[in-house]
N, C-alpha and C. Protein backbone atom coordinates (compact mmCIF):
# COMPACT_ATOMS: atom_id res chain seq x y z
N MET A 1 -24.73 -14.85 47.11
CA MET A 1 -23.82 -14.25 46.57
C MET A 1 -22.47 -15.15 46.81
N PRO A 2 -21.79 -15.21 45.71
CA PRO A 2 -20.51 -16.19 45.99
C PRO A 2 -19.47 -15.36 47.03
N ILE A 3 -18.89 -16.33 47.81
CA ILE A 3 -18.15 -15.73 48.67
C ILE A 3 -16.67 -15.22 48.03
N GLY A 4 -16.43 -14.12 48.35
CA GLY A 4 -15.68 -13.16 47.77
C GLY A 4 -16.00 -12.28 46.82
N TYR A 5 -17.09 -12.22 46.63
CA TYR A 5 -17.66 -11.45 45.45
C TYR A 5 -17.83 -10.30 45.84
N THR A 6 -17.50 -8.94 44.85
CA THR A 6 -17.90 -7.63 45.18
C THR A 6 -18.52 -7.33 44.05
N PRO A 7 -19.58 -6.57 44.39
CA PRO A 7 -20.47 -5.69 43.37
C PRO A 7 -19.58 -4.93 42.39
N GLY A 8 -19.77 -4.82 41.13
CA GLY A 8 -18.89 -4.17 40.50
C GLY A 8 -17.31 -4.80 39.59
N MET A 9 -17.05 -5.78 40.76
CA MET A 9 -15.87 -6.86 39.80
C MET A 9 -16.40 -7.81 39.87
N THR A 10 -15.18 -8.82 39.28
CA THR A 10 -15.21 -9.77 38.61
C THR A 10 -14.72 -10.71 39.99
N LEU A 11 -15.31 -11.92 39.93
CA LEU A 11 -14.41 -12.55 41.16
C LEU A 11 -12.85 -12.61 40.97
N VAL A 12 -12.54 -12.73 40.25
CA VAL A 12 -10.93 -12.74 40.45
C VAL A 12 -10.43 -11.43 40.87
N GLU A 13 -10.98 -10.30 40.40
CA GLU A 13 -10.80 -8.95 40.79
C GLU A 13 -10.78 -8.70 42.18
N SER A 14 -11.93 -9.51 42.89
CA SER A 14 -12.34 -9.33 44.25
C SER A 14 -11.56 -10.04 44.84
N ILE A 15 -11.17 -11.56 44.24
CA ILE A 15 -10.26 -12.11 45.27
C ILE A 15 -8.41 -11.55 45.02
N THR A 16 -7.91 -10.95 43.90
CA THR A 16 -6.96 -10.47 43.94
C THR A 16 -7.23 -8.99 45.11
N ARG A 17 -8.07 -8.35 45.26
CA ARG A 17 -8.32 -7.41 46.03
C ARG A 17 -7.79 -7.92 47.63
N ASP A 18 -8.27 -8.91 47.99
CA ASP A 18 -8.51 -9.46 49.01
C ASP A 18 -7.07 -9.88 49.46
N LEU A 19 -6.24 -10.35 48.68
CA LEU A 19 -5.01 -11.08 48.77
C LEU A 19 -3.94 -9.88 49.20
N HIS A 20 -4.27 -8.43 48.40
CA HIS A 20 -3.40 -7.70 48.89
C HIS A 20 -3.57 -7.04 50.31
N CYS A 21 -4.47 -7.37 50.72
CA CYS A 21 -4.65 -6.81 52.18
C CYS A 21 -3.98 -7.91 53.01
N LEU A 22 -3.89 -9.12 52.71
CA LEU A 22 -3.23 -10.41 53.78
C LEU A 22 -1.32 -10.08 53.56
N PRO A 23 -1.17 -10.27 55.09
CA PRO A 23 0.39 -10.25 55.15
C PRO A 23 1.01 -11.30 54.68
N ASN A 24 2.38 -11.21 54.72
CA ASN A 24 3.09 -12.19 53.80
C ASN A 24 3.13 -13.65 54.36
N ALA A 25 3.14 -13.68 55.63
CA ALA A 25 2.90 -15.08 55.84
C ALA A 25 1.58 -15.81 55.53
N LYS A 26 0.20 -14.79 55.65
CA LYS A 26 -1.01 -15.61 54.99
C LYS A 26 -0.69 -15.86 53.66
N LEU A 27 -0.04 -15.10 52.59
CA LEU A 27 0.27 -15.11 51.54
C LEU A 27 0.60 -16.66 50.94
N VAL A 28 1.56 -16.79 51.83
CA VAL A 28 2.56 -18.17 51.95
C VAL A 28 1.62 -19.34 51.67
N GLU A 29 0.63 -19.27 53.09
CA GLU A 29 -0.37 -20.15 53.19
C GLU A 29 -1.46 -20.36 51.95
N VAL A 30 -1.54 -19.33 51.54
CA VAL A 30 -2.37 -19.28 50.32
C VAL A 30 -1.70 -19.78 49.34
N ALA A 31 -0.66 -19.43 48.97
CA ALA A 31 0.26 -20.22 47.69
C ALA A 31 0.27 -21.91 47.79
N ARG A 32 0.65 -22.03 49.34
CA ARG A 32 0.75 -23.29 49.45
C ARG A 32 -0.80 -24.16 49.32
N PHE A 33 -1.71 -23.78 49.69
CA PHE A 33 -3.07 -24.38 49.56
C PHE A 33 -3.10 -24.24 48.05
N ILE A 34 -2.99 -23.42 47.01
CA ILE A 34 -3.42 -23.52 46.12
C ILE A 34 -2.35 -24.65 45.22
N SER A 35 -1.11 -24.36 45.92
CA SER A 35 -0.11 -25.36 44.88
C SER A 35 -0.58 -26.65 45.28
N GLU A 36 -1.05 -27.22 46.42
CA GLU A 36 -2.00 -28.45 46.73
C GLU A 36 -3.26 -28.67 45.82
N LEU A 37 -3.96 -27.53 45.17
CA LEU A 37 -5.14 -28.14 44.24
C LEU A 37 -4.87 -28.08 43.21
N VAL A 38 -3.41 -27.96 42.67
CA VAL A 38 -3.16 -28.35 41.55
C VAL A 38 -2.16 -29.20 41.27
N PRO A 39 -2.40 -30.63 41.15
CA PRO A 39 -1.45 -31.48 41.22
C PRO A 39 -0.14 -31.40 40.61
N GLN A 40 -0.25 -30.79 38.94
CA GLN A 40 0.46 -30.78 38.02
C GLN A 40 2.00 -29.85 39.01
N VAL A 41 1.77 -28.93 39.71
CA VAL A 41 2.53 -27.93 40.51
C VAL A 41 3.27 -28.58 41.59
N ALA A 42 2.24 -29.47 42.29
CA ALA A 42 3.02 -30.20 43.58
C ALA A 42 3.83 -31.41 42.79
N GLU A 43 3.37 -32.02 41.68
CA GLU A 43 4.32 -32.58 41.23
C GLU A 43 5.73 -32.54 40.57
N ARG A 44 5.89 -31.03 40.28
CA ARG A 44 7.09 -30.09 39.65
C ARG A 44 7.62 -29.75 40.75
N GLN A 45 6.92 -29.91 41.75
CA GLN A 45 8.17 -29.52 43.37
C GLN A 45 8.53 -30.37 43.60
N ARG A 46 7.92 -31.72 43.66
CA ARG A 46 8.58 -32.84 44.35
C ARG A 46 9.63 -33.03 43.36
N GLU A 47 9.44 -33.35 41.92
CA GLU A 47 10.76 -33.64 41.16
C GLU A 47 11.50 -32.49 41.32
N ALA A 48 11.38 -31.23 41.90
CA ALA A 48 12.42 -30.07 41.63
C ALA A 48 12.93 -30.52 42.74
N LEU A 49 12.77 -30.80 44.39
CA LEU A 49 13.36 -31.51 45.32
C LEU A 49 14.02 -32.17 45.25
N ALA A 50 13.54 -33.78 44.65
CA ALA A 50 14.29 -35.06 44.31
C ALA A 50 15.50 -34.43 43.22
N GLU A 51 15.79 -33.98 42.16
CA GLU A 51 16.91 -32.96 41.44
C GLU A 51 17.72 -32.55 42.14
N SER A 52 17.56 -31.65 43.15
CA SER A 52 18.54 -30.82 43.75
C SER A 52 19.23 -31.39 44.93
N TYR A 53 18.03 -32.67 45.62
CA TYR A 53 18.63 -33.47 46.85
C TYR A 53 20.21 -33.36 46.59
N GLY A 54 20.77 -33.17 47.94
CA GLY A 54 22.23 -33.38 47.97
C GLY A 54 23.16 -32.38 47.10
N CYS A 55 22.58 -31.52 46.75
CA CYS A 55 23.58 -30.70 45.92
C CYS A 55 24.25 -29.73 46.42
N MET A 56 24.07 -29.56 48.00
CA MET A 56 24.76 -28.74 48.42
C MET A 56 25.61 -29.42 49.85
N ASP A 57 26.63 -29.07 50.00
CA ASP A 57 27.28 -29.27 51.44
C ASP A 57 26.53 -28.99 52.74
N ASP A 58 27.22 -29.54 53.63
CA ASP A 58 26.44 -29.33 54.95
C ASP A 58 26.69 -27.77 55.09
N GLU A 59 27.75 -27.06 54.91
CA GLU A 59 28.16 -25.37 55.22
C GLU A 59 27.34 -24.57 54.14
N GLN A 60 27.01 -25.36 53.02
CA GLN A 60 26.26 -24.57 52.39
C GLN A 60 24.48 -24.57 52.39
N GLY A 61 24.29 -25.95 52.96
CA GLY A 61 22.62 -25.99 53.15
C GLY A 61 22.49 -25.24 54.49
N GLU A 62 23.58 -24.83 55.54
CA GLU A 62 22.98 -24.32 56.70
C GLU A 62 23.04 -22.88 56.33
N ALA A 63 23.81 -22.05 55.32
CA ALA A 63 23.94 -21.16 55.25
C ALA A 63 22.88 -20.95 54.14
N PHE A 64 22.08 -21.88 53.12
CA PHE A 64 20.85 -21.19 52.49
C PHE A 64 19.81 -21.30 54.06
N GLU A 65 19.85 -22.21 54.37
CA GLU A 65 18.46 -22.27 55.60
C GLU A 65 18.65 -21.20 56.15
N GLN A 66 19.49 -20.31 56.55
CA GLN A 66 19.68 -19.21 57.74
C GLN A 66 19.22 -17.95 57.07
N ALA A 67 19.45 -18.07 55.43
CA ALA A 67 19.42 -16.83 54.57
C ALA A 67 17.50 -16.75 54.74
N VAL A 68 16.78 -18.16 54.15
CA VAL A 68 15.56 -18.31 53.93
C VAL A 68 14.57 -18.13 55.25
N LEU A 69 15.41 -18.49 56.55
CA LEU A 69 14.64 -17.95 57.84
C LEU A 69 14.77 -16.41 58.19
N LYS A 70 15.67 -16.10 57.58
CA LYS A 70 16.14 -14.49 57.82
C LYS A 70 14.66 -13.79 56.99
N GLU A 71 15.01 -14.01 55.68
CA GLU A 71 13.96 -13.65 54.93
C GLU A 71 12.45 -13.85 55.12
N ALA A 72 12.42 -14.90 55.92
CA ALA A 72 10.71 -15.22 56.10
C ALA A 72 10.64 -14.20 57.33
N ALA A 73 11.48 -14.30 58.13
CA ALA A 73 11.26 -13.49 59.38
C ALA A 73 11.15 -12.04 58.92
N GLU A 74 11.59 -11.45 58.22
CA GLU A 74 11.36 -10.11 57.71
C GLU A 74 10.47 -9.86 57.12
N ALA A 75 9.73 -10.84 56.23
CA ALA A 75 8.51 -10.70 55.36
C ALA A 75 7.33 -10.49 56.39
N GLU A 76 7.82 -11.31 57.54
CA GLU A 76 6.45 -11.18 58.69
C GLU A 76 6.29 -10.08 59.28
N HIS A 77 7.19 -8.99 59.17
CA HIS A 77 7.11 -7.43 59.37
C HIS A 77 6.87 -6.56 58.35
């Protein structure tokens, strides 16, 4: 029996059901892992970061960082 398989469900349905049970922090880990498995996704992310590098001044960057950290902290609860 394959890992993640549930009788009466497709493998994708079974995996999706399991994902719904994970806390947000674990979902972020899963998303990062999957992104690394798909080379095109990782390349697009690198390109997007390179294109956006330096588009914010220090104050904007700090405000953005604080907003991301706040959202991440709230998502964990």
